[in-house]
PDB file of N, CA and C in Angstrom:
ATOM      1  N   UNK A   1     -18.700 -14.485  -3.360  1.00  0.00           N
ATOM      2  CA  UNK A   1     -18.029 -15.789  -3.234  1.00  0.00           C
ATOM      3  C   UNK A   1     -17.548 -17.019  -2.640  1.00  0.00           C
ATOM      4  N   UNK A   2     -16.814 -16.593  -1.797  1.00  0.00           N
ATOM      5  CA  UNK A   2     -16.171 -17.653  -1.051  1.00  0.00           C
ATOM      6  C   UNK A   2     -16.871 -17.508   0.323  1.00  0.00           C
ATOM      7  N   UNK A   3     -18.186 -16.368   0.526  1.00  0.00           N
ATOM      8  CA  UNK A   3     -19.434 -16.616   1.724  1.00  0.00           C
ATOM      9  C   UNK A   3     -20.335 -17.641   1.297  1.00  0.00           C
ATOM     10  N   UNK A   4     -20.817 -17.294  -0.242  1.00  0.00           N
ATOM     11  CA  UNK A   4     -21.870 -17.650  -1.090  1.00  0.00           C
ATOM     12  C   UNK A   4     -21.225 -19.352  -1.167  1.00  0.00           C
ATOM     13  N   UNK A   5     -20.040 -19.281  -1.843  1.00  0.00           N
ATOM     14  CA  UNK A   5     -19.947 -21.060  -2.476  1.00  0.00           C
ATOM     15  C   UNK A   5     -19.138 -21.823  -1.173  1.00  0.00           C
ATOM     16  N   UNK A   6     -18.907 -21.469   0.342  1.00  0.00           N
ATOM     17  CA  UNK A   6     -18.427 -21.860   0.976  1.00  0.00           C
ATOM     18  C   UNK A   6     -17.095 -22.680   0.938  1.00  0.00           C
ATOM     19  N   UNK A   7     -16.158 -21.706   0.090  1.00  0.00           N
ATOM     20  CA  UNK A   7     -14.888 -21.754  -0.379  1.00  0.00           C
ATOM     21  C   UNK A   7     -14.114 -22.396   0.634  1.00  0.00           C
ATOM     22  N   UNK A   8     -13.099 -23.241   0.157  1.00  0.00           N
ATOM     23  CA  UNK A   8     -12.415 -23.053   1.073  1.00  0.00           C
ATOM     24  C   UNK A   8     -10.745 -23.331   0.604  1.00  0.00           C
ATOM     25  N   UNK A   9     -10.262 -23.284  -0.558  1.00  0.00           N
ATOM     26  CA  UNK A   9      -8.982 -22.255  -0.947  1.00  0.00           C
ATOM     27  C   UNK A   9      -9.762 -21.228  -1.815  1.00  0.00           C
ATOM     28  N   UNK A  10      -8.963 -20.536  -1.521  1.00  0.00           N
ATOM     29  CA  UNK A  10      -8.531 -19.092  -2.215  1.00  0.00           C
ATOM     30  C   UNK A  10      -6.628 -18.570  -2.922  1.00  0.00           C
ATOM     31  N   UNK A  11      -6.850 -18.359  -4.192  1.00  0.00           N
ATOM     32  CA  UNK A  11      -5.784 -18.131  -4.307  1.00  0.00           C
ATOM     33  C   UNK A  11      -5.740 -16.497  -5.248  1.00  0.00           C
ATOM     34  N   UNK A  12      -4.729 -15.651  -4.842  1.00  0.00           N
ATOM     35  CA  UNK A  12      -4.560 -14.167  -5.598  1.00  0.00           C
ATOM     36  C   UNK A  12      -3.451 -13.604  -5.840  1.00  0.00           C
ATOM     37  N   UNK A  13      -2.912 -12.898  -6.768  1.00  0.00           N
ATOM     38  CA  UNK A  13      -2.821 -12.414  -7.147  1.00  0.00           C
ATOM     39  C   UNK A  13      -1.872 -11.155  -6.490  1.00  0.00           C
ATOM     40  N   UNK A  14      -0.948 -11.356  -5.539  1.00  0.00           N
ATOM     41  CA  UNK A  14       0.550  -9.685  -4.989  1.00  0.00           C
ATOM     42  C   UNK A  14      -0.627  -8.529  -5.824  1.00  0.00           C
ATOM     43  N   UNK A  15      -0.898  -8.209  -6.915  1.00  0.00           N
ATOM     44  CA  UNK A  15      -1.401  -6.892  -7.270  1.00  0.00           C
ATOM     45  C   UNK A  15      -2.361  -6.709  -6.954  1.00  0.00           C
ATOM     46  N   UNK A  16      -3.215  -7.503  -6.664  1.00  0.00           N
ATOM     47  CA  UNK A  16      -4.595  -7.846  -6.156  1.00  0.00           C
ATOM     48  C   UNK A  16      -5.085  -7.443  -4.372  1.00  0.00           C
ATOM     49  N   UNK A  17      -4.192  -7.945  -4.167  1.00  0.00           N
ATOM     50  CA  UNK A  17      -3.929  -7.754  -2.404  1.00  0.00           C
ATOM     51  C   UNK A  17      -3.176  -6.691  -1.754  1.00  0.00           C
ATOM     52  N   UNK A  18      -2.877  -6.445  -2.801  1.00  0.00           N
ATOM     53  CA  UNK A  18      -2.321  -5.219  -3.017  1.00  0.00           C
ATOM     54  C   UNK A  18      -3.169  -4.011  -2.568  1.00  0.00           C
ATOM     55  N   UNK A  19      -4.087  -3.837  -4.523  1.00  0.00           N
ATOM     56  CA  UNK A  19      -4.844  -3.153  -4.035  1.00  0.00           C
ATOM     57  C   UNK A  19      -5.919  -3.178  -3.012  1.00  0.00           C
ATOM     58  N   UNK A  20      -6.874  -4.768  -2.686  1.00  0.00           N
ATOM     59  CA  UNK A  20      -7.488  -5.077  -1.347  1.00  0.00           C
ATOM     60  C   UNK A  20      -6.369  -4.106  -0.054  1.00  0.00           C
ATOM     61  N   UNK A  21      -5.746  -4.250  -0.056  1.00  0.00           N
ATOM     62  CA  UNK A  21      -5.229  -3.619   1.272  1.00  0.00           C
ATOM     63  C   UNK A  21      -5.330  -1.721   1.010  1.00  0.00           C
ATOM     64  N   UNK A  22      -4.996  -1.166  -0.505  1.00  0.00           N
ATOM     65  CA  UNK A  22      -4.787   0.265  -0.336  1.00  0.00           C
ATOM     66  C   UNK A  22      -6.694   0.472   0.112  1.00  0.00           C
ATOM     67  N   UNK A  23      -7.127  -0.258  -0.303  1.00  0.00           N
ATOM     68  CA  UNK A  23      -8.654   0.629  -0.156  1.00  0.00           C
ATOM     69  C   UNK A  23      -9.853  -0.406   1.445  1.00  0.00           C
ATOM     70  N   UNK A  24      -8.524  -0.699   1.954  1.00  0.00           N
ATOM     71  CA  UNK A  24      -9.178  -0.975   3.410  1.00  0.00           C
ATOM     72  C   UNK A  24      -9.473  -2.469   3.905  1.00  0.00           C
ATOM     73  N   UNK A  25      -9.757  -2.715   5.248  1.00  0.00           N
ATOM     74  CA  UNK A  25      -9.521  -4.228   5.510  1.00  0.00           C
ATOM     75  C   UNK A  25     -11.261  -4.063   5.314  1.00  0.00           C
ATOM     76  N   UNK A  26     -12.136  -3.137   5.240  1.00  0.00           N
ATOM     77  CA  UNK A  26     -13.940  -3.911   5.243  1.00  0.00           C
ATOM     78  C   UNK A  26     -13.965  -4.241   4.287  1.00  0.00           C
ATOM     79  N   UNK A  27     -13.694  -3.842   3.594  1.00  0.00           N
ATOM     80  CA  UNK A  27     -14.136  -5.080   1.879  1.00  0.00           C
ATOM     81  C   UNK A  27     -13.895  -5.957   1.856  1.00  0.00           C
ATOM     82  N   UNK A  28     -13.102  -6.869   2.751  1.00  0.00           N
ATOM     83  CA  UNK A  28     -13.086  -8.144   3.215  1.00  0.00           C
ATOM     84  C   UNK A  28     -13.893  -8.123   4.390  1.00  0.00           C
ATOM     85  N   UNK A  29     -14.108  -7.820   5.134  1.00  0.00           N
ATOM     86  CA  UNK A  29     -14.317  -8.160   7.043  1.00  0.00           C
ATOM     87  C   UNK A  29     -15.317  -8.229   6.575  1.00  0.00           C
ATOM     88  N   UNK A  30     -16.663  -7.468   5.497  1.00  0.00           N
ATOM     89  CA  UNK A  30     -17.592  -7.784   5.714  1.00  0.00           C
ATOM     90  C   UNK A  30     -18.182  -8.838   5.275  1.00  0.00           C
ATOM     91  N   UNK A  31     -17.485  -9.565   4.569  1.00  0.00           N
ATOM     92  CA  UNK A  31     -17.796 -11.578   3.961  1.00  0.00           C
ATOM     93  C   UNK A  31     -17.257 -12.466   5.410  1.00  0.00           C
ATOM     94  N   UNK A  32     -18.073 -13.479   5.245  1.00  0.00           N
ATOM     95  CA  UNK A  32     -17.794 -14.103   6.335  1.00  0.00           C
ATOM     96  C   UNK A  32     -17.093 -15.616   5.540  1.00  0.00           C
ATOM     97  N   UNK A  33     -15.777 -15.360   5.721  1.00  0.00           N
ATOM     98  CA  UNK A  33     -14.473 -16.361   5.540  1.00  0.00           C
ATOM     99  C   UNK A  33     -14.365 -17.495   5.637  1.00  0.00           C
ATOM    100  N   UNK A  34     -15.187 -17.943   6.857  1.00  0.00           N
ATOM    101  CA  UNK A  34     -14.598 -19.289   7.737  1.00  0.00           C
ATOM    102  C   UNK A  34     -14.758 -20.644   7.400  1.00  0.00           C
ATOM    103  N   UNK A  35     -15.047 -20.243   5.817  1.00  0.00           N
ATOM    104  CA  UNK A  35     -15.004 -21.381   4.969  1.00  0.00           C
ATOM    105  C   UNK A  35     -13.153 -21.736   4.472  1.00  0.00           C
ATOM    106  N   UNK A  36     -13.048 -20.637   4.345  1.00  0.00           N
ATOM    107  CA  UNK A  36     -11.464 -21.246   3.696  1.00  0.00           C
ATOM    108  C   UNK A  36     -10.399 -21.014   4.858  1.00  0.00           C
ATOM    109  N   UNK A  37      -9.740 -22.484   4.409  1.00  0.00           N
ATOM    110  CA  UNK A  37      -8.467 -22.982   4.603  1.00  0.00           C
ATOM    111  C   UNK A  37      -7.140 -23.166   4.063  1.00  0.00           C
ATOM    112  N   UNK A  38      -6.596 -22.379   3.471  1.00  0.00           N
ATOM    113  CA  UNK A  38      -5.858 -22.328   2.618  1.00  0.00           C
ATOM    114  C   UNK A  38      -5.736 -21.038   1.493  1.00  0.00           C
ATOM    115  N   UNK A  39      -5.185 -19.700   2.004  1.00  0.00           N
ATOM    116  CA  UNK A  39      -5.141 -18.622   0.682  1.00  0.00           C
ATOM    117  C   UNK A  39      -3.242 -19.329   0.219  1.00  0.00           C
ATOM    118  N   UNK A  40      -3.558 -18.773  -1.011  1.00  0.00           N
ATOM    119  CA  UNK A  40      -2.126 -18.627  -2.210  1.00  0.00           C
ATOM    120  C   UNK A  40      -2.325 -17.414  -2.500  1.00  0.00           C
ATOM    121  N   UNK A  41      -0.793 -17.223  -3.058  1.00  0.00           N
ATOM    122  CA  UNK A  41      -0.402 -16.448  -3.734  1.00  0.00           C
ATOM    123  C   UNK A  41      -0.101 -17.119  -5.670  1.00  0.00           C
ATOM    124  N   UNK A  42      -0.543 -16.279  -6.444  1.00  0.00           N
ATOM    125  CA  UNK A  42       0.185 -16.998  -7.693  1.00  0.00           C
ATOM    126  C   UNK A  42       0.492 -15.319  -8.478  1.00  0.00           C
ATOM    127  N   UNK A  43       1.380 -15.860  -9.626  1.00  0.00           N
ATOM    128  CA  UNK A  43       2.141 -14.730 -10.637  1.00  0.00           C
ATOM    129  C   UNK A  43       3.096 -14.328 -10.406  1.00  0.00           C
ATOM    130  N   UNK A  44       4.067 -13.895  -8.980  1.00  0.00           N
ATOM    131  CA  UNK A  44       4.776 -13.047  -8.807  1.00  0.00           C
ATOM    132  C   UNK A  44       4.634 -13.459  -7.546  1.00  0.00           C
ATOM    133  N   UNK A  45       5.825 -12.697  -6.986  1.00  0.00           N
ATOM    134  CA  UNK A  45       6.454 -12.686  -5.552  1.00  0.00           C
ATOM    135  C   UNK A  45       5.576 -11.993  -4.739  1.00  0.00           C
ATOM    136  N   UNK A  46       5.143 -12.494  -3.919  1.00  0.00           N
ATOM    137  CA  UNK A  46       4.438 -12.094  -2.566  1.00  0.00           C
ATOM    138  C   UNK A  46       5.419 -10.800  -1.978  1.00  0.00           C
ATOM    139  N   UNK A  47       5.019  -9.833  -1.744  1.00  0.00           N
ATOM    140  CA  UNK A  47       6.118  -9.007  -0.282  1.00  0.00           C
ATOM    141  C   UNK A  47       5.635  -9.060   0.986  1.00  0.00           C
ATOM    142  N   UNK A  48       6.371  -8.609   1.263  1.00  0.00           N
ATOM    143  CA  UNK A  48       5.862  -9.055   3.309  1.00  0.00           C
ATOM    144  C   UNK A  48       4.787  -8.370   4.066  1.00  0.00           C
ATOM    145  N   UNK A  49       4.928  -7.297   3.348  1.00  0.00           N
ATOM    146  CA  UNK A  49       3.685  -6.223   3.685  1.00  0.00           C
ATOM    147  C   UNK A  49       2.548  -6.929   3.655  1.00  0.00           C
ATOM    148  N   UNK A  50       1.866  -7.413   1.870  1.00  0.00           N
ATOM    149  CA  UNK A  50       0.761  -8.011   1.583  1.00  0.00           C
ATOM    150  C   UNK A  50       0.939  -9.855   1.981  1.00  0.00           C
ATOM    151  N   UNK A  51       1.760 -10.131   2.193  1.00  0.00           N
ATOM    152  CA  UNK A  51       1.156 -11.274   2.893  1.00  0.00           C
ATOM    153  C   UNK A  51       1.438 -11.564   4.221  1.00  0.00           C
ATOM    154  N   UNK A  52       1.748 -10.782   5.136  1.00  0.00           N
ATOM    155  CA  UNK A  52       1.457 -10.136   6.716  1.00  0.00           C
ATOM    156  C   UNK A  52      -0.593 -10.191   6.664  1.00  0.00           C
ATOM    157  N   UNK A  53      -0.604  -9.026   5.494  1.00  0.00           N
ATOM    158  CA  UNK A  53      -2.049  -8.823   6.192  1.00  0.00           C
ATOM    159  C   UNK A  53      -3.316 -10.185   4.946  1.00  0.00           C
ATOM    160  N   UNK A  54      -2.113  -9.909   4.214  1.00  0.00           N
ATOM    161  CA  UNK A  54      -3.162 -11.105   3.499  1.00  0.00           C
ATOM    162  C   UNK A  54      -3.379 -12.180   4.477  1.00  0.00           C
ATOM    163  N   UNK A  55      -2.458 -13.028   5.355  1.00  0.00           N
ATOM    164  CA  UNK A  55      -2.797 -13.815   6.597  1.00  0.00           C
ATOM    165  C   UNK A  55      -3.253 -13.115   7.363  1.00  0.00           C
ATOM    166  N   UNK A  56      -3.236 -11.939   7.789  1.00  0.00           N
ATOM    167  CA  UNK A  56      -4.088 -11.705   9.063  1.00  0.00           C
ATOM    168  C   UNK A  56      -5.370 -11.305   9.282  1.00  0.00           C
ATOM    169  N   UNK A  57      -5.891 -10.668   7.975  1.00  0.00           N
ATOM    170  CA  UNK A  57      -7.186 -10.010   7.810  1.00  0.00           C
ATOM    171  C   UNK A  57      -7.623 -11.124   6.363  1.00  0.00           C
ATOM    172  N   UNK A  58      -7.305 -11.404   5.506  1.00  0.00           N
ATOM    173  CA  UNK A  58      -8.293 -12.588   4.353  1.00  0.00           C
ATOM    174  C   UNK A  58      -8.302 -13.816   5.313  1.00  0.00           C
ATOM    175  N   UNK A  59      -6.507 -14.129   5.872  1.00  0.00           N
ATOM    176  CA  UNK A  59      -7.149 -15.422   6.378  1.00  0.00           C
ATOM    177  C   UNK A  59      -7.532 -15.510   8.112  1.00  0.00           C
ATOM    178  N   UNK A  60      -7.218 -14.167   8.872  1.00  0.00           N
ATOM    179  CA  UNK A  60      -7.286 -14.140  10.094  1.00  0.00           C
ATOM    180  C   UNK A  60      -6.578 -15.539  10.590  1.00  0.00           C
ATOM    181  N   UNK A  61      -5.336 -14.971  10.243  1.00  0.00           N
ATOM    182  CA  UNK A  61      -4.153 -15.901  11.490  1.00  0.00           C
ATOM    183  C   UNK A  61      -4.177 -17.160  11.241  1.00  0.00           C
ATOM    184  N   UNK A  62      -5.302 -17.693  10.218  1.00  0.00           N
ATOM    185  CA  UNK A  62      -5.363 -19.554  10.392  1.00  0.00           C
ATOM    186  C   UNK A  62      -5.461 -19.689   9.325  1.00  0.00           C
ATOM    187  N   UNK A  63      -5.432 -19.407   8.661  1.00  0.00           N
ATOM    188  CA  UNK A  63      -4.822 -19.950   6.892  1.00  0.00           C
ATOM    189  C   UNK A  63      -3.466 -20.234   6.921  1.00  0.00           C
ATOM    190  N   UNK A  64      -3.142 -21.241   6.378  1.00  0.00           N
ATOM    191  CA  UNK A  64      -1.633 -20.742   5.881  1.00  0.00           C
ATOM    192  C   UNK A  64      -1.671 -20.457   4.619  1.00  0.00           C
ATOM    193  N   UNK A  65      -0.214 -19.399   4.270  1.00  0.00           N
ATOM    194  CA  UNK A  65      -0.280 -18.847   2.423  1.00  0.00           C
ATOM    195  C   UNK A  65       0.654 -19.829   2.109  1.00  0.00           C
ATOM    196  N   UNK A  66      -0.111 -19.803   0.777  1.00  0.00           N
ATOM    197  CA  UNK A  66       1.147 -21.298  -0.137  1.00  0.00           C
ATOM    198  C   UNK A  66       1.491 -20.270  -0.759  1.00  0.00           C
ATOM    199  N   UNK A  67       3.119 -19.809  -2.149  1.00  0.00           N
ATOM    200  CA  UNK A  67       3.444 -18.881  -2.805  1.00  0.00           C
ATOM    201  C   UNK A  67       3.772 -19.667  -3.284  1.00  0.00           C
ATOM    202  N   UNK A  68       2.990 -19.906  -4.913  1.00  0.00           N
ATOM    203  CA  UNK A  68       3.488 -20.291  -5.891  1.00  0.00           C
ATOM    204  C   UNK A  68       3.615 -19.716  -7.343  1.00  0.00           C
ATOM    205  N   UNK A  69       4.370 -18.320  -6.348  1.00  0.00           N
ATOM    206  CA  UNK A  69       4.587 -17.755  -7.252  1.00  0.00           C
ATOM    207  C   UNK A  69       5.379 -18.524  -8.885  1.00  0.00           C
ATOM    208  N   UNK A  70       6.849 -19.496  -8.372  1.00  0.00           N
ATOM    209  CA  UNK A  70       7.717 -19.915  -9.302  1.00  0.00           C
ATOM    210  C   UNK A  70       7.252 -20.596 -10.550  1.00  0.00           C
ATOM    211  N   UNK A  71       5.813 -21.147 -10.080  1.00  0.00           N
ATOM    212  CA  UNK A  71       5.043 -22.004 -11.330  1.00  0.00           C
ATOM    213  C   UNK A  71       4.477 -21.395 -12.178  1.00  0.00           C
ATOM    214  N   UNK A  72       4.533 -20.223 -12.595  1.00  0.00           N
ATOM    215  CA  UNK A  72       4.491 -19.224 -14.368  1.00  0.00           C
ATOM    216  C   UNK A  72       5.203 -19.109 -14.829  1.00  0.00           C
TER     217      UNK A  72
END
């Protein structure tokens, strides 16, 4: 969806992020994510490992990660 619609902001739950980590980077890296400018985490606090992976793999190290778990 990010690739097809050129989405620039992507928010995901830490649970979903940890699931992607479990299945490997290839499920994310096979898509173009160059349109992304901001990543967000929602629903619960994000752990350090998930935050670092989200930033490095999904955001390619160039997108800030906004943690908004406290808004639920």
